[in-house]
Amino acid sequence: MPGPLEGIRVVELGMWVAGPAAAGILCDWDAEVVKIEPPSGDPARGFTKILGGDLPTNPPFELDNRGKRSVVLDLASDEGRAAALALIDEADVFVTNVRKAGLERAGLGPDALLARNDRLVYALMTGYGTEGPDADAAGYDIAAWWARSGIAWLLSRPGEDPPFQRGGMGDHSVAMTGAAMINAALVSRGRTGKGQLITTSLFRQGAYTIGFDLNVYLMWGLQVQGGQRTKMGSPTVNNYVAGDGRRFWIVGLEGDRHWPPLARVVGHPEWLDDERFATGRGRFEHAKELIAELDAVFATKPLDEWAARFAEEPDFFWAPVNSLEDLVADPQFAAAGSAVEVPDGSTTTTMVATPADFHGTPNRPTSIAPELGQHTDEVLAELAERDPR
């Protein structure tokens, strides 16, 4: 069955993760995506070396590029630029995370392309936005999304080194915004008949990611203090360790509602009348003491036993702190559709799924990522057939 974006033509000029990931989401949703690469290829093809050697597959690249067609064009040549322009002239969407100055030098800036194809949705993804002193600065997600936007600082404990983000976290976050804005622009084009330039940035995505903290600061001038496990003011929103060493998180955001089931689960219903813990104020003032009590109780049983106890209380909200191995083994991982089987030419390869399901137009990835330039001859032949000039 055709997916929700069947018939939408996308040309991607992307590198590393953010741009290719946004186009990859569209491809998973059944858009036709042609990926323009330089003769040296998208540098993300080198992730195998970054991950430790000459490996037979490239999992990060596969996630963001499955189902696409790869066309190698030298945009420094007249022939390469002409072919790129011809492809984009026929496209509904152009997705890029190349810096704007480089796009302008290649004749692929937004003004030039929209003048040629006024129905084009031109999606530009940058490090820091299109205005200001750093509009054309390089912006990997470690810099623009993680460090400069404030995320790393907020997650750093006083006096300790900041934690390192995981690969592509900001890129995949901004890619979801990219896919959303592209689809909104396509809806707008359906009303007006006109495409438009749409932009987003890693820096702004980072600011939105910490919007809870940032909006408190903007509106009240206050900084919400980061929590430390042994001193959390609300012990019902904290993580604990079971007797088998497995960690879990209690999510009792509504103290009056979630405190009674917690007290019952740990076998201390008398705490409900204990003047130290009976009220939210009391639990806040005696938080360190209560957390120590809970630590001692939770250490007496393995997590599986606690899980069975937790299930007896409908208003007890919790989650295990999963490792990758735990996550993949978690029955909800499969039930939620978190993985997808991608055809690889002989059988299928299990990969992470795009986090969206279309129940009226179900779809799934059609193939693994292309080899560099795998479809150059095919795509250019199709182009010449449609426009023999």
Protein backbone atom coordinates (compact mmCIF):
# COMPACT_ATOMS: atom_id res chain seq x y z
CA MET A 1 0.00 0.00 0.00
CA PRO A 2 1.37 3.48 -0.85
CA GLY A 3 2.69 5.41 2.13
CA PRO A 4 1.57 8.92 3.12
CA LEU A 5 4.19 10.70 0.97
CA GLU A 6 3.90 8.50 -2.12
CA GLY A 7 4.49 10.63 -5.20
CA ILE A 8 6.53 13.33 -3.40
CA ARG A 9 9.96 13.84 -4.98
CA VAL A 10 12.78 14.88 -2.67
CA VAL A 11 16.32 15.87 -3.60
CA GLU A 12 18.78 15.80 -0.72
CA LEU A 13 22.15 17.48 -0.62
CA GLY A 14 23.17 16.46 2.87
CA MET A 15 26.12 15.34 4.90
CA TRP A 16 26.69 13.57 8.17
CA VAL A 17 23.34 13.27 9.99
CA ALA A 18 20.85 16.14 10.29
CA GLY A 19 19.96 16.72 6.63
CA PRO A 20 20.16 13.06 5.60
CA ALA A 21 18.09 12.06 8.65
CA ALA A 22 15.29 14.51 7.77
CA ALA A 23 15.23 13.22 4.19
CA GLY A 24 15.47 9.68 5.56
CA ILE A 25 12.29 10.16 7.58
CA LEU A 26 10.50 11.35 4.42
CA CYS A 27 11.86 8.32 2.57
CA ASP A 28 10.52 5.98 5.26
CA TRP A 29 7.15 7.68 4.70
CA ASP A 30 7.35 6.69 1.02
CA ALA A 31 8.73 9.84 -0.58
CA GLU A 32 11.13 9.26 -3.48
CA VAL A 33 14.50 10.58 -2.29
CA VAL A 34 17.49 11.18 -4.56
CA LYS A 35 20.65 11.77 -2.55
CA ILE A 36 23.25 13.94 -4.30
CA GLU A 37 26.77 13.09 -3.13
CA PRO A 38 30.19 14.45 -4.12
CA PRO A 39 32.66 12.02 -5.72
CA SER A 40 34.16 11.43 -2.26
CA GLY A 41 30.72 10.59 -0.84
CA ASP A 42 28.78 11.76 2.19
CA PRO A 43 31.40 11.81 4.99
CA ALA A 44 28.98 9.76 7.09
CA ARG A 45 29.99 6.81 4.94
CA GLY A 46 33.15 6.88 7.06
CA PHE A 47 31.33 6.10 10.31
CA THR A 48 32.67 2.55 10.15
CA LYS A 49 36.22 3.83 10.63
CA ILE A 50 35.11 6.19 13.40
CA LEU A 51 33.45 3.25 15.17
CA GLY A 52 36.62 1.22 15.09
CA GLY A 53 37.60 -0.37 11.82
CA ASP A 54 36.75 -1.73 8.42
CA LEU A 55 33.36 -3.21 9.24
CA PRO A 56 30.98 -4.88 6.76
CA THR A 57 28.04 -2.56 7.48
CA ASN A 58 27.53 1.04 8.57
CA PRO A 59 24.58 1.11 11.05
CA PRO A 60 24.43 4.93 11.60
CA PHE A 61 24.52 5.60 7.86
CA GLU A 62 21.94 2.90 7.17
CA LEU A 63 19.47 4.45 9.62
CA ASP A 64 19.45 7.82 7.86
CA ASN A 65 19.87 6.73 4.23
CA ARG A 66 17.94 3.50 3.68
CA GLY A 67 15.65 3.49 0.68
CA LYS A 68 17.30 6.45 -1.09
CA ARG A 69 18.92 6.56 -4.52
CA SER A 70 22.51 7.85 -4.60
CA VAL A 71 23.69 10.08 -7.45
CA VAL A 72 27.29 11.29 -7.60
CA LEU A 73 27.66 14.80 -9.03
CA ASP A 74 30.68 17.10 -8.99
CA LEU A 75 29.06 20.43 -8.16
CA ALA A 76 32.32 22.21 -8.95
CA SER A 77 31.76 21.35 -12.61
CA ASP A 78 29.27 22.92 -15.00
CA GLU A 79 27.94 19.48 -15.91
CA GLY A 80 27.41 18.49 -12.29
CA ARG A 81 25.64 21.75 -11.41
CA ALA A 82 23.41 21.49 -14.47
CA ALA A 83 22.37 17.96 -13.53
CA ALA A 84 21.66 19.01 -9.92
CA LEU A 85 19.53 21.93 -11.09
CA ALA A 86 17.59 19.71 -13.47
CA LEU A 87 16.83 17.27 -10.65
CA ILE A 88 15.76 20.03 -8.27
CA ASP A 89 13.60 21.65 -10.96
CA GLU A 90 11.44 18.51 -10.90
CA ALA A 91 11.44 18.09 -7.13
CA ASP A 92 8.79 18.91 -4.57
CA VAL A 93 11.32 19.25 -1.76
CA PHE A 94 15.01 20.14 -1.53
CA VAL A 95 16.65 19.19 1.79
CA THR A 96 20.13 20.37 2.69
CA ASN A 97 22.36 21.00 5.68
CA VAL A 98 25.24 22.38 3.63
CA ARG A 99 26.25 25.84 4.79
CA LYS A 100 24.46 28.63 2.97
CA ALA A 101 27.62 30.25 1.58
CA GLY A 102 28.60 26.96 -0.04
CA LEU A 103 25.13 26.58 -1.51
CA GLU A 104 25.32 30.09 -2.98
CA ARG A 105 28.72 29.38 -4.55
CA ALA A 106 27.27 26.30 -6.23
CA GLY A 107 24.26 28.23 -7.52
CA LEU A 108 21.95 26.28 -5.21
CA GLY A 109 20.92 29.05 -2.82
CA PRO A 110 17.25 29.44 -1.95
CA ASP A 111 16.61 32.53 -4.09
CA ALA A 112 18.04 30.88 -7.19
CA LEU A 113 16.20 27.59 -6.78
CA LEU A 114 12.85 29.13 -5.83
CA ALA A 115 13.08 31.44 -8.86
CA ARG A 116 13.44 28.36 -11.06
CA ASN A 117 10.78 26.26 -9.29
CA ASP A 118 8.28 28.30 -7.32
CA ARG A 119 6.53 25.14 -6.05
CA LEU A 120 9.72 23.95 -4.36
CA VAL A 121 9.82 23.47 -0.59
CA TYR A 122 13.43 24.43 0.20
CA ALA A 123 14.38 23.01 3.63
CA LEU A 124 17.61 24.45 4.99
CA MET A 125 19.00 23.02 8.22
CA THR A 126 21.83 24.98 9.81
CA GLY A 127 23.97 25.02 12.92
CA TYR A 128 22.99 28.43 14.24
CA GLY A 129 20.25 29.87 12.01
CA THR A 130 20.34 32.12 8.95
CA GLU A 131 20.94 35.48 10.67
CA GLY A 132 23.50 36.80 13.15
CA PRO A 133 27.28 36.67 13.48
CA ASP A 134 27.46 32.86 13.37
CA ALA A 135 24.87 32.24 10.67
CA ASP A 136 27.45 30.51 8.49
CA ALA A 137 29.48 28.87 11.23
CA ALA A 138 30.03 25.13 11.23
CA GLY A 139 27.59 23.55 13.66
CA TYR A 140 27.88 19.90 14.51
CA ASP A 141 25.28 18.89 17.06
CA ILE A 142 27.92 18.47 19.77
CA ALA A 143 28.66 22.17 19.44
CA ALA A 144 25.40 23.86 18.50
CA TRP A 145 22.80 21.58 20.09
CA TRP A 146 24.63 20.06 23.04
CA ALA A 147 27.18 22.60 24.24
CA ARG A 148 26.17 26.09 23.14
CA SER A 149 22.40 25.69 23.64
CA GLY A 150 22.84 24.96 27.36
CA ILE A 151 21.97 21.26 27.44
CA ALA A 152 25.43 20.06 28.50
CA TRP A 153 25.62 22.71 31.25
CA LEU A 154 22.19 21.79 32.62
CA LEU A 155 23.18 18.13 32.80
CA SER A 156 26.52 18.81 34.50
CA ARG A 157 26.83 18.38 38.25
CA PRO A 158 28.62 21.25 40.03
CA GLY A 159 32.36 20.82 39.97
CA GLU A 160 32.25 17.84 37.59
CA ASP A 161 33.01 17.51 33.90
CA PRO A 162 30.00 17.76 31.58
CA PRO A 163 28.71 14.46 30.21
CA PHE A 164 29.20 13.54 26.57
CA GLN A 165 26.17 13.28 24.32
CA ARG A 166 25.54 10.13 22.32
CA GLY A 167 26.03 10.08 18.56
CA GLY A 168 23.57 12.13 16.54
CA MET A 169 21.22 12.98 19.40
CA GLY A 170 20.76 16.60 18.36
CA ASP A 171 20.85 15.75 14.67
CA HIS A 172 18.01 13.26 14.99
CA SER A 173 16.05 15.67 17.14
CA VAL A 174 16.32 18.49 14.59
CA ALA A 175 15.62 16.01 11.77
CA MET A 176 12.17 15.34 13.25
CA THR A 177 11.51 19.08 13.29
CA GLY A 178 12.77 19.19 9.71
CA ALA A 179 10.39 16.47 8.58
CA ALA A 180 7.50 18.19 10.35
CA MET A 181 8.17 21.61 8.83
CA ILE A 182 8.55 20.11 5.36
CA ASN A 183 5.15 18.46 5.62
CA ALA A 184 3.58 21.68 6.93
CA ALA A 185 5.05 23.55 3.96
CA LEU A 186 3.63 20.93 1.59
CA VAL A 187 0.19 21.46 3.16
CA SER A 188 0.61 25.21 2.66
CA ARG A 189 1.63 24.65 -0.97
CA GLY A 190 -1.54 22.63 -1.45
CA ARG A 191 -3.53 25.76 -0.52
CA THR A 192 -1.44 28.43 -2.23
CA GLY A 193 0.31 26.59 -5.04
CA LYS A 194 3.61 28.10 -3.89
CA GLY A 195 6.63 26.58 -2.20
CA GLN A 196 8.85 28.46 0.22
CA LEU A 197 12.12 28.53 2.10
CA ILE A 198 11.86 26.86 5.53
CA THR A 199 14.68 26.75 8.06
CA THR A 200 15.58 25.25 11.38
CA SER A 201 18.83 24.99 13.33
CA LEU A 202 20.57 22.74 15.81
CA PHE A 203 21.05 25.71 18.15
CA ARG A 204 17.37 26.60 18.23
CA GLN A 205 16.38 22.96 18.54
CA GLY A 206 18.64 22.72 21.57
CA ALA A 207 16.96 25.76 23.15
CA TYR A 208 13.55 24.17 22.56
CA THR A 209 14.77 20.87 24.02
CA ILE A 210 15.43 22.62 27.33
CA GLY A 211 12.30 24.74 26.94
CA PHE A 212 11.04 23.86 30.44
CA ASP A 213 14.12 25.39 32.08
CA LEU A 214 14.60 28.13 29.53
CA ASN A 215 11.05 29.44 29.68
CA VAL A 216 11.20 29.57 33.50
CA TYR A 217 14.33 31.68 33.12
CA LEU A 218 12.82 33.93 30.43
CA MET A 219 9.57 34.54 32.29
CA TRP A 220 10.70 34.49 35.91
CA GLY A 221 14.46 35.09 35.75
CA LEU A 222 15.03 31.92 37.78
CA GLN A 223 17.15 28.85 37.16
CA VAL A 224 15.61 25.51 38.15
CA GLN A 225 18.18 23.67 40.22
CA GLY A 226 19.36 20.29 38.99
CA GLY A 227 18.58 17.35 41.22
CA GLN A 228 20.98 15.06 43.08
CA ARG A 229 19.66 11.60 43.79
CA THR A 230 20.33 11.56 47.52
CA LYS A 231 18.92 15.06 48.04
CA MET A 232 15.88 15.16 45.74
CA GLY A 233 13.20 17.34 47.29
CA SER A 234 10.54 14.95 46.03
CA PRO A 235 11.58 11.37 46.83
CA THR A 236 8.63 10.12 44.77
CA VAL A 237 10.43 11.36 41.63
CA ASN A 238 13.79 9.64 41.93
CA ASN A 239 15.79 6.59 40.89
CA TYR A 240 16.62 3.66 43.14
CA VAL A 241 18.55 0.39 42.97
CA ALA A 242 17.00 -3.01 43.50
CA GLY A 243 18.72 -5.86 45.29
CA ASP A 244 20.09 -7.31 42.04
CA GLY A 245 21.78 -4.02 41.13
CA ARG A 246 19.22 -2.99 38.53
CA ARG A 247 18.23 0.65 38.65
CA PHE A 248 14.70 1.98 38.16
CA TRP A 249 12.93 5.31 38.19
CA ILE A 250 9.83 6.23 40.18
CA VAL A 251 7.72 8.91 38.49
CA GLY A 252 5.38 10.13 41.22
CA LEU A 253 4.93 13.71 40.02
CA GLU A 254 1.70 14.24 41.98
CA GLY A 255 2.84 13.81 45.55
CA ASP A 256 -0.54 13.47 47.24
CA ARG A 257 -1.68 10.95 44.64
CA HIS A 258 1.52 8.95 44.25
CA TRP A 259 2.91 8.89 47.78
CA PRO A 260 0.32 6.50 49.26
CA PRO A 261 0.92 3.70 46.71
CA LEU A 262 4.69 4.07 47.20
CA ALA A 263 4.36 3.74 50.97
CA ARG A 264 2.17 0.65 50.55
CA VAL A 265 4.44 -0.96 47.93
CA VAL A 266 7.48 -0.80 50.21
CA GLY A 267 5.51 -2.25 53.11
CA HIS A 268 5.35 0.89 55.23
CA PRO A 269 1.72 2.10 55.24
CA GLU A 270 2.42 3.64 58.65
CA TRP A 271 4.50 6.28 56.87
CA LEU A 272 1.24 7.78 55.63
CA ASP A 273 0.60 8.99 59.20
CA ASP A 274 4.23 9.68 60.07
CA GLU A 275 4.54 13.43 60.64
CA ARG A 276 7.89 13.42 58.82
CA PHE A 277 6.45 12.04 55.58
CA ALA A 278 2.67 12.56 55.67
CA THR A 279 2.74 15.85 53.74
CA GLY A 280 4.62 17.13 50.72
CA ARG A 281 6.34 19.70 52.94
CA GLY A 282 7.39 16.98 55.38
CA ARG A 283 8.77 14.74 52.63
CA PHE A 284 10.68 17.72 51.23
CA GLU A 285 12.18 18.63 54.60
CA HIS A 286 13.06 15.01 55.40
CA ALA A 287 13.95 13.98 51.84
CA LYS A 288 17.46 12.76 52.59
CA GLU A 289 16.16 10.59 55.43
CA LEU A 290 13.28 9.18 53.37
CA ILE A 291 15.50 8.40 50.39
CA ALA A 292 17.86 6.49 52.67
CA GLU A 293 14.92 4.50 54.04
CA LEU A 294 13.70 3.70 50.53
CA ASP A 295 17.21 2.72 49.44
CA ALA A 296 17.38 0.19 52.27
CA VAL A 297 13.98 -1.30 51.44
CA PHE A 298 14.52 -1.53 47.69
CA ALA A 299 17.86 -3.29 48.25
CA THR A 300 16.05 -6.28 49.81
CA LYS A 301 14.51 -7.65 46.56
CA PRO A 302 15.49 -8.03 42.90
CA LEU A 303 13.76 -5.77 40.40
CA ASP A 304 11.52 -8.53 38.99
CA GLU A 305 9.99 -9.01 42.43
CA TRP A 306 9.54 -5.28 42.86
CA ALA A 307 7.94 -5.07 39.42
CA ALA A 308 5.32 -7.59 40.52
CA ARG A 309 4.64 -5.52 43.64
CA PHE A 310 4.47 -2.30 41.63
CA ALA A 311 1.86 -3.84 39.33
CA GLU A 312 -0.51 -4.23 42.28
CA GLU A 313 -0.79 -0.44 42.57
CA PRO A 314 -2.41 1.25 39.52
CA ASP A 315 -1.23 4.69 40.65
CA PHE A 316 2.39 3.64 41.06
CA PHE A 317 4.28 4.92 37.99
CA TRP A 318 7.79 3.65 37.32
CA ALA A 319 10.20 2.50 34.60
CA PRO A 320 13.39 0.44 34.55
CA VAL A 321 16.64 2.17 33.61
CA ASN A 322 17.35 -0.01 30.58
CA SER A 323 20.67 -0.78 29.00
CA LEU A 324 20.64 -1.28 25.22
CA GLU A 325 20.43 -5.02 25.84
CA ASP A 326 17.54 -4.50 28.26
CA LEU A 327 15.79 -2.18 25.79
CA VAL A 328 15.88 -4.62 22.89
CA ALA A 329 14.69 -7.45 25.18
CA ASP A 330 11.90 -5.30 26.64
CA PRO A 331 8.61 -6.69 25.22
CA GLN A 332 7.31 -3.15 24.80
CA PHE A 333 10.18 -2.38 22.40
CA ALA A 334 8.69 -4.67 19.76
CA ALA A 335 5.08 -3.94 20.70
CA ALA A 336 5.64 -0.20 20.21
CA GLY A 337 7.06 -0.76 16.72
CA SER A 338 10.53 0.43 17.66
CA ALA A 339 12.30 -1.80 15.13
CA VAL A 340 11.63 -2.46 11.46
CA GLU A 341 12.76 -5.17 9.05
CA VAL A 342 14.43 -3.54 6.03
CA PRO A 343 14.81 -5.58 2.81
CA ASP A 344 18.51 -6.04 2.00
CA GLY A 345 18.35 -7.94 -1.26
CA SER A 346 18.34 -11.43 0.21
CA THR A 347 16.50 -11.32 3.53
CA THR A 348 15.96 -8.38 5.86
CA THR A 349 18.06 -6.34 8.28
CA THR A 350 16.66 -5.22 11.62
CA MET A 351 16.98 -1.48 12.18
CA VAL A 352 15.53 1.31 14.32
CA ALA A 353 12.13 2.43 13.03
CA THR A 354 11.06 5.99 12.30
CA PRO A 355 8.98 7.05 15.36
CA ALA A 356 5.65 7.46 13.56
CA ASP A 357 2.95 5.10 12.31
CA PHE A 358 0.34 5.87 9.66
CA HIS A 359 -2.56 3.51 10.21
CA GLY A 360 -4.47 4.55 7.10
CA THR A 361 -1.43 4.46 4.81
CA PRO A 362 0.89 1.89 6.37
CA ASN A 363 4.42 1.84 4.99
CA ARG A 364 7.90 0.60 5.73
CA PRO A 365 11.44 1.13 4.38
CA THR A 366 11.95 -0.46 0.98
CA SER A 367 15.70 -1.12 0.87
CA ILE A 368 19.00 -0.65 2.64
CA ALA A 369 21.16 2.43 2.00
CA PRO A 370 22.61 2.78 -1.50
CA GLU A 371 26.23 2.34 -2.44
CA LEU A 372 27.99 5.57 -3.40
CA GLY A 373 26.71 6.59 -6.83
CA GLN A 374 24.72 3.38 -7.22
CA HIS A 375 21.90 5.11 -9.09
CA THR A 376 23.77 7.85 -10.98
CA ASP A 377 23.33 6.39 -14.45
CA GLU A 378 19.76 5.33 -13.75
CA VAL A 379 18.60 8.70 -12.41
CA LEU A 380 20.37 10.77 -15.09
CA ALA A 381 18.93 8.50 -17.80
CA GLU A 382 15.44 9.04 -16.40
CA LEU A 383 16.10 12.78 -16.35
CA ALA A 384 17.23 12.79 -19.98
CA GLU A 385 14.20 10.76 -20.99
CA ARG A 386 11.85 13.29 -19.40
CA ASP A 387 13.76 16.26 -20.82
CA PRO A 388 15.76 15.20 -23.91
CA ARG A 389 17.29 18.68 -24.30
